[in-house]
Every structure is written in C-alpha cells, then in structure tokens.
Amino acid sequence: MGLCASCHFTTKQGRFVSNWSSTVKVINSGDGRLQEFRRPIRACHVLSSHPAAFLCSSDAMFVGRIAPQMSGNEELQMGEIYFIMPLSNSNNPLSLQELCSLAIKAGSALQTGS
C-alpha cells in the first residue's frame, strides 16, 4: 500500500506512543481499530476472535489484485502492518477506493493509537 512512517511517532500532546519496529500492527478493515503485539504472533491467534475474516499484509495489497490470505501458521513480522479483512472480500480484486479507505483507516489508527 505504500504506507510510510518514521521510526517513532507521537500523539498531538507530544507523548511517545510507539517504536515503529517494536510491534506488530493489525488493523481491522471494518472499524479501523488497531491492535499491537509486542512479540511475533501467528495469524491464527489474531484471527481466533474473527472467524469470518482473514489476514493480509499491507505490503501484498495492490489495486486490481485479490488480497492474498495469510496462512494460519504464518508468523506476523515486527514492524509490519496487517489488515483483518472480511472473508466476503477474499475473491474480489481490491479497488483504488478500497485501498485508499484502508490507508486512511491505517493512518488514523496509527496516529491515535486506537
């Protein structure tokens, strides 16, 4: 998706929030909520509370292509951003509008830390 961020970011109050590479970031594509994990975690553990969803790395999302589903045994990497996507979207190519919406949700979640 081409999301960029510095190694450290702060809230509007100037309070330190996170070291970019020290967590795995998972964003729910529906509500935009951010989950951060301080250790590598397997996809199946993240999805255990989302039975009708799949995980996709933001680096693997492109306009006009289907978002590739991560295997349940695959380990999420520190410093990376992942999206929880509904299974109903698993066979549909991503549109520019959808990717822009995800980028806005990711930017908002990373900025507010929620």
N, C-alpha and C. Protein backbone atom coordinates (compact mmCIF):
# COMPACT_ATOMS: atom_id res chain seq x y z
N MET A 1 0.82 -1.19 0.00
CA MET A 1 0.00 0.00 0.00
C MET A 1 0.86 1.24 0.00
N GLY A 2 2.11 1.08 0.29
CA GLY A 2 2.98 2.24 0.28
C GLY A 2 2.86 3.11 1.51
N LEU A 3 2.41 2.56 2.61
CA LEU A 3 2.33 3.34 3.84
C LEU A 3 3.73 3.63 4.36
N CYS A 4 3.95 4.84 4.78
CA CYS A 4 5.27 5.21 5.31
C CYS A 4 5.09 5.80 6.70
N ALA A 5 6.10 5.61 7.51
CA ALA A 5 6.08 6.19 8.85
C ALA A 5 7.50 6.28 9.36
N SER A 6 7.71 7.19 10.27
CA SER A 6 9.04 7.30 10.87
C SER A 6 9.19 6.23 11.94
N CYS A 7 10.40 6.09 12.44
CA CYS A 7 10.66 5.06 13.45
C CYS A 7 9.93 5.33 14.75
N HIS A 8 9.71 6.57 15.08
CA HIS A 8 8.98 6.94 16.29
C HIS A 8 7.87 7.90 15.89
N PHE A 9 6.75 7.82 16.56
CA PHE A 9 5.72 8.81 16.33
C PHE A 9 5.11 9.20 17.66
N THR A 10 4.48 10.36 17.66
CA THR A 10 3.94 10.91 18.90
C THR A 10 2.49 11.31 18.71
N THR A 11 1.80 11.47 19.81
CA THR A 11 0.44 11.97 19.76
C THR A 11 0.50 13.49 19.63
N LYS A 12 -0.65 14.11 19.53
CA LYS A 12 -0.70 15.57 19.42
C LYS A 12 -0.17 16.23 20.68
N GLN A 13 -0.22 15.53 21.80
CA GLN A 13 0.28 16.08 23.05
C GLN A 13 1.80 15.91 23.16
N GLY A 14 2.41 15.29 22.17
CA GLY A 14 3.86 15.11 22.19
C GLY A 14 4.32 13.91 22.99
N ARG A 15 3.38 13.09 23.45
CA ARG A 15 3.71 11.92 24.26
C ARG A 15 4.18 10.79 23.34
N PHE A 16 5.24 10.09 23.72
CA PHE A 16 5.76 8.98 22.95
C PHE A 16 4.72 7.86 22.90
N VAL A 17 4.45 7.33 21.71
CA VAL A 17 3.45 6.28 21.57
C VAL A 17 4.10 4.94 21.26
N SER A 18 4.96 4.89 20.27
CA SER A 18 5.43 3.58 19.86
C SER A 18 6.73 3.69 19.09
N ASN A 19 7.52 2.65 19.15
CA ASN A 19 8.66 2.49 18.28
C ASN A 19 8.15 1.63 17.14
N TRP A 20 8.24 2.16 15.92
CA TRP A 20 7.63 1.53 14.75
C TRP A 20 7.96 0.05 14.64
N SER A 21 9.21 -0.31 14.80
CA SER A 21 9.62 -1.69 14.56
C SER A 21 9.47 -2.60 15.78
N SER A 22 9.00 -2.06 16.89
CA SER A 22 8.93 -2.86 18.11
C SER A 22 7.61 -3.61 18.27
N THR A 23 6.66 -3.42 17.35
CA THR A 23 5.37 -4.09 17.47
C THR A 23 4.88 -4.59 16.10
N VAL A 24 3.98 -5.56 16.16
CA VAL A 24 3.21 -5.99 15.00
C VAL A 24 1.92 -5.18 15.07
N LYS A 25 1.52 -4.57 13.97
CA LYS A 25 0.32 -3.75 13.95
C LYS A 25 -0.74 -4.43 13.09
N VAL A 26 -1.93 -4.63 13.67
CA VAL A 26 -3.04 -5.26 12.98
C VAL A 26 -4.22 -4.29 13.03
N ILE A 27 -4.74 -3.96 11.85
CA ILE A 27 -5.85 -3.01 11.76
C ILE A 27 -7.07 -3.73 11.21
N ASN A 28 -8.20 -3.56 11.89
CA ASN A 28 -9.46 -4.13 11.44
C ASN A 28 -9.98 -3.27 10.30
N SER A 29 -10.17 -3.85 9.12
CA SER A 29 -10.61 -3.08 7.96
C SER A 29 -12.03 -2.55 8.12
N GLY A 30 -12.81 -3.17 8.99
CA GLY A 30 -14.18 -2.72 9.19
C GLY A 30 -14.29 -1.48 10.05
N ASP A 31 -13.74 -1.55 11.27
CA ASP A 31 -13.91 -0.43 12.20
C ASP A 31 -12.63 0.40 12.38
N GLY A 32 -11.54 -0.03 11.77
CA GLY A 32 -10.29 0.75 11.85
C GLY A 32 -9.54 0.61 13.16
N ARG A 33 -9.94 -0.31 14.01
CA ARG A 33 -9.25 -0.48 15.30
C ARG A 33 -7.87 -1.08 15.11
N LEU A 34 -6.95 -0.60 15.91
CA LEU A 34 -5.57 -1.05 15.87
C LEU A 34 -5.28 -1.97 17.04
N GLN A 35 -4.64 -3.09 16.74
CA GLN A 35 -4.10 -3.98 17.78
C GLN A 35 -2.59 -4.00 17.58
N GLU A 36 -1.87 -3.91 18.67
CA GLU A 36 -0.42 -4.00 18.59
C GLU A 36 0.05 -5.16 19.45
N PHE A 37 0.99 -5.90 18.91
CA PHE A 37 1.57 -7.04 19.61
C PHE A 37 3.06 -6.80 19.75
N ARG A 38 3.56 -6.97 20.94
CA ARG A 38 4.98 -6.70 21.22
C ARG A 38 5.90 -7.87 20.89
N ARG A 39 5.30 -8.98 20.48
CA ARG A 39 6.07 -10.17 20.07
C ARG A 39 5.48 -10.67 18.77
N PRO A 40 6.28 -11.38 17.98
CA PRO A 40 5.70 -12.02 16.79
C PRO A 40 4.56 -12.93 17.21
N ILE A 41 3.53 -12.99 16.40
CA ILE A 41 2.35 -13.78 16.71
C ILE A 41 1.88 -14.47 15.43
N ARG A 42 1.28 -15.61 15.57
CA ARG A 42 0.79 -16.34 14.41
C ARG A 42 -0.58 -15.79 13.99
N ALA A 43 -0.85 -15.85 12.71
CA ALA A 43 -2.10 -15.34 12.16
C ALA A 43 -3.32 -15.98 12.82
N CYS A 44 -3.25 -17.28 13.10
CA CYS A 44 -4.40 -17.97 13.69
C CYS A 44 -4.77 -17.41 15.06
N HIS A 45 -3.80 -16.91 15.81
CA HIS A 45 -4.09 -16.34 17.13
C HIS A 45 -4.82 -15.00 16.99
N VAL A 46 -4.41 -14.22 16.00
CA VAL A 46 -5.08 -12.93 15.77
C VAL A 46 -6.51 -13.17 15.30
N LEU A 47 -6.69 -14.16 14.43
CA LEU A 47 -8.00 -14.42 13.84
C LEU A 47 -8.93 -15.22 14.73
N SER A 48 -8.45 -15.69 15.87
CA SER A 48 -9.30 -16.51 16.74
C SER A 48 -10.57 -15.79 17.17
N SER A 49 -10.54 -14.49 17.24
CA SER A 49 -11.73 -13.72 17.60
C SER A 49 -12.43 -13.11 16.38
N HIS A 50 -11.99 -13.52 15.19
CA HIS A 50 -12.57 -13.03 13.92
C HIS A 50 -12.78 -14.22 12.98
N PRO A 51 -13.79 -15.06 13.25
CA PRO A 51 -13.94 -16.31 12.48
C PRO A 51 -14.29 -16.11 11.01
N ALA A 52 -14.88 -15.01 10.65
CA ALA A 52 -15.28 -14.77 9.25
C ALA A 52 -14.34 -13.77 8.58
N ALA A 53 -13.04 -13.92 8.88
CA ALA A 53 -12.07 -12.95 8.36
C ALA A 53 -10.76 -13.63 8.00
N PHE A 54 -9.90 -12.88 7.30
CA PHE A 54 -8.56 -13.34 7.00
C PHE A 54 -7.60 -12.19 7.21
N LEU A 55 -6.33 -12.51 7.33
CA LEU A 55 -5.28 -11.50 7.48
C LEU A 55 -4.55 -11.31 6.17
N CYS A 56 -4.16 -10.07 5.92
CA CYS A 56 -3.38 -9.74 4.73
C CYS A 56 -2.33 -8.70 5.11
N SER A 57 -1.13 -8.89 4.61
CA SER A 57 -0.06 -7.91 4.83
C SER A 57 -0.32 -6.70 3.95
N SER A 58 -0.11 -5.51 4.49
CA SER A 58 -0.30 -4.30 3.70
C SER A 58 0.66 -4.26 2.51
N ASP A 59 1.81 -4.91 2.63
CA ASP A 59 2.78 -4.94 1.54
C ASP A 59 2.31 -5.77 0.35
N ALA A 60 1.30 -6.61 0.54
CA ALA A 60 0.84 -7.51 -0.52
C ALA A 60 -0.47 -7.03 -1.15
N MET A 61 -0.88 -5.80 -0.85
CA MET A 61 -2.16 -5.30 -1.35
C MET A 61 -1.93 -4.34 -2.50
N PHE A 62 -2.57 -4.65 -3.64
CA PHE A 62 -2.41 -3.85 -4.85
C PHE A 62 -3.75 -3.66 -5.54
N VAL A 63 -3.91 -2.51 -6.20
CA VAL A 63 -5.12 -2.22 -6.96
C VAL A 63 -5.29 -3.27 -8.05
N GLY A 64 -6.50 -3.79 -8.16
CA GLY A 64 -6.83 -4.74 -9.20
C GLY A 64 -6.41 -6.17 -8.90
N ARG A 65 -5.87 -6.41 -7.73
CA ARG A 65 -5.46 -7.77 -7.35
C ARG A 65 -6.22 -8.21 -6.11
N ILE A 66 -6.38 -9.51 -5.98
CA ILE A 66 -7.02 -10.07 -4.80
C ILE A 66 -6.01 -10.03 -3.65
N ALA A 67 -6.48 -9.61 -2.47
CA ALA A 67 -5.61 -9.55 -1.29
C ALA A 67 -5.26 -10.98 -0.89
N PRO A 68 -3.97 -11.33 -0.87
CA PRO A 68 -3.59 -12.70 -0.52
C PRO A 68 -3.81 -13.00 0.97
N GLN A 69 -4.45 -14.13 1.23
CA GLN A 69 -4.72 -14.55 2.61
C GLN A 69 -3.48 -15.18 3.21
N MET A 70 -3.18 -14.78 4.43
CA MET A 70 -2.07 -15.38 5.15
C MET A 70 -2.51 -16.72 5.73
N SER A 71 -1.61 -17.66 5.73
CA SER A 71 -1.86 -18.96 6.36
C SER A 71 -1.97 -18.78 7.87
N GLY A 72 -2.78 -19.59 8.51
CA GLY A 72 -2.94 -19.52 9.96
C GLY A 72 -1.65 -19.75 10.73
N ASN A 73 -0.75 -20.54 10.15
CA ASN A 73 0.53 -20.83 10.81
C ASN A 73 1.59 -19.77 10.55
N GLU A 74 1.29 -18.84 9.65
CA GLU A 74 2.28 -17.82 9.31
C GLU A 74 2.47 -16.84 10.47
N GLU A 75 3.71 -16.48 10.72
CA GLU A 75 4.04 -15.57 11.81
C GLU A 75 4.07 -14.13 11.29
N LEU A 76 3.38 -13.25 12.00
CA LEU A 76 3.38 -11.84 11.64
C LEU A 76 4.72 -11.23 12.05
N GLN A 77 5.23 -10.33 11.23
CA GLN A 77 6.56 -9.78 11.43
C GLN A 77 6.52 -8.44 12.16
N MET A 78 7.49 -8.24 13.03
CA MET A 78 7.60 -6.98 13.77
C MET A 78 7.79 -5.82 12.78
N GLY A 79 7.15 -4.70 13.08
CA GLY A 79 7.27 -3.51 12.26
C GLY A 79 6.38 -3.50 11.04
N GLU A 80 5.61 -4.55 10.83
CA GLU A 80 4.74 -4.63 9.65
C GLU A 80 3.30 -4.30 10.03
N ILE A 81 2.52 -3.91 9.03
CA ILE A 81 1.10 -3.61 9.20
C ILE A 81 0.30 -4.68 8.48
N TYR A 82 -0.71 -5.20 9.17
CA TYR A 82 -1.60 -6.22 8.62
C TYR A 82 -3.03 -5.75 8.75
N PHE A 83 -3.88 -6.22 7.85
CA PHE A 83 -5.30 -5.90 7.90
C PHE A 83 -6.12 -7.16 8.11
N ILE A 84 -7.11 -7.05 8.99
CA ILE A 84 -8.13 -8.09 9.13
C ILE A 84 -9.19 -7.75 8.10
N MET A 85 -9.40 -8.66 7.15
CA MET A 85 -10.33 -8.44 6.05
C MET A 85 -11.48 -9.44 6.14
N PRO A 86 -12.69 -9.04 5.77
CA PRO A 86 -13.81 -10.00 5.79
C PRO A 86 -13.66 -11.06 4.69
N LEU A 87 -14.01 -12.30 5.03
CA LEU A 87 -13.93 -13.38 4.04
C LEU A 87 -14.76 -13.08 2.80
N SER A 88 -15.80 -12.29 2.94
CA SER A 88 -16.64 -11.95 1.78
C SER A 88 -15.86 -11.17 0.72
N ASN A 89 -14.73 -10.59 1.10
CA ASN A 89 -13.89 -9.86 0.14
C ASN A 89 -12.74 -10.71 -0.40
N SER A 90 -12.67 -11.96 -0.01
CA SER A 90 -11.49 -12.77 -0.31
C SER A 90 -11.28 -13.07 -1.79
N ASN A 91 -12.32 -12.99 -2.60
CA ASN A 91 -12.16 -13.28 -4.03
C ASN A 91 -12.35 -12.07 -4.92
N ASN A 92 -12.45 -10.89 -4.32
CA ASN A 92 -12.66 -9.67 -5.08
C ASN A 92 -11.37 -8.87 -5.21
N PRO A 93 -11.02 -8.47 -6.43
CA PRO A 93 -9.85 -7.60 -6.58
C PRO A 93 -10.06 -6.29 -5.82
N LEU A 94 -9.00 -5.78 -5.25
CA LEU A 94 -9.07 -4.52 -4.50
C LEU A 94 -9.17 -3.34 -5.46
N SER A 95 -10.07 -2.43 -5.15
CA SER A 95 -10.21 -1.23 -5.96
C SER A 95 -9.34 -0.12 -5.37
N LEU A 96 -9.09 0.90 -6.15
CA LEU A 96 -8.34 2.06 -5.66
C LEU A 96 -9.07 2.69 -4.48
N GLN A 97 -10.38 2.77 -4.57
CA GLN A 97 -11.19 3.34 -3.49
C GLN A 97 -11.03 2.53 -2.20
N GLU A 98 -11.04 1.20 -2.29
CA GLU A 98 -10.87 0.35 -1.10
C GLU A 98 -9.48 0.54 -0.48
N LEU A 99 -8.45 0.58 -1.32
CA LEU A 99 -7.10 0.77 -0.80
C LEU A 99 -6.94 2.14 -0.15
N CYS A 100 -7.54 3.15 -0.75
CA CYS A 100 -7.48 4.48 -0.15
C CYS A 100 -8.19 4.50 1.20
N SER A 101 -9.33 3.84 1.28
CA SER A 101 -10.06 3.75 2.54
C SER A 101 -9.23 3.04 3.61
N LEU A 102 -8.56 1.96 3.24
CA LEU A 102 -7.71 1.24 4.18
C LEU A 102 -6.52 2.10 4.62
N ALA A 103 -5.96 2.84 3.69
CA ALA A 103 -4.83 3.71 4.02
C ALA A 103 -5.26 4.81 5.00
N ILE A 104 -6.45 5.34 4.81
CA ILE A 104 -6.97 6.37 5.72
C ILE A 104 -7.21 5.77 7.10
N LYS A 105 -7.80 4.58 7.15
CA LYS A 105 -8.03 3.91 8.43
C LYS A 105 -6.70 3.61 9.13
N ALA A 106 -5.73 3.16 8.38
CA ALA A 106 -4.42 2.86 8.97
C ALA A 106 -3.76 4.13 9.48
N GLY A 107 -3.79 5.18 8.71
CA GLY A 107 -3.19 6.44 9.14
C GLY A 107 -3.83 6.96 10.41
N SER A 108 -5.16 6.91 10.45
CA SER A 108 -5.88 7.36 11.63
C SER A 108 -5.56 6.49 12.86
N ALA A 109 -5.57 5.17 12.66
CA ALA A 109 -5.28 4.26 13.77
C ALA A 109 -3.86 4.45 14.29
N LEU A 110 -2.92 4.62 13.39
CA LEU A 110 -1.52 4.79 13.82
C LEU A 110 -1.30 6.13 14.50
N GLN A 111 -2.04 7.14 14.05
CA GLN A 111 -1.89 8.47 14.65
C GLN A 111 -2.49 8.52 16.05
N THR A 112 -3.66 7.89 16.21
CA THR A 112 -4.34 7.96 17.52
C THR A 112 -3.98 6.79 18.43
N GLY A 113 -3.45 5.73 17.83
CA GLY A 113 -3.09 4.57 18.62
C GLY A 113 -4.28 3.76 19.06
N SER A 114 -5.40 3.86 18.31
CA SER A 114 -6.62 3.11 18.68
C SER A 114 -7.04 2.16 17.61
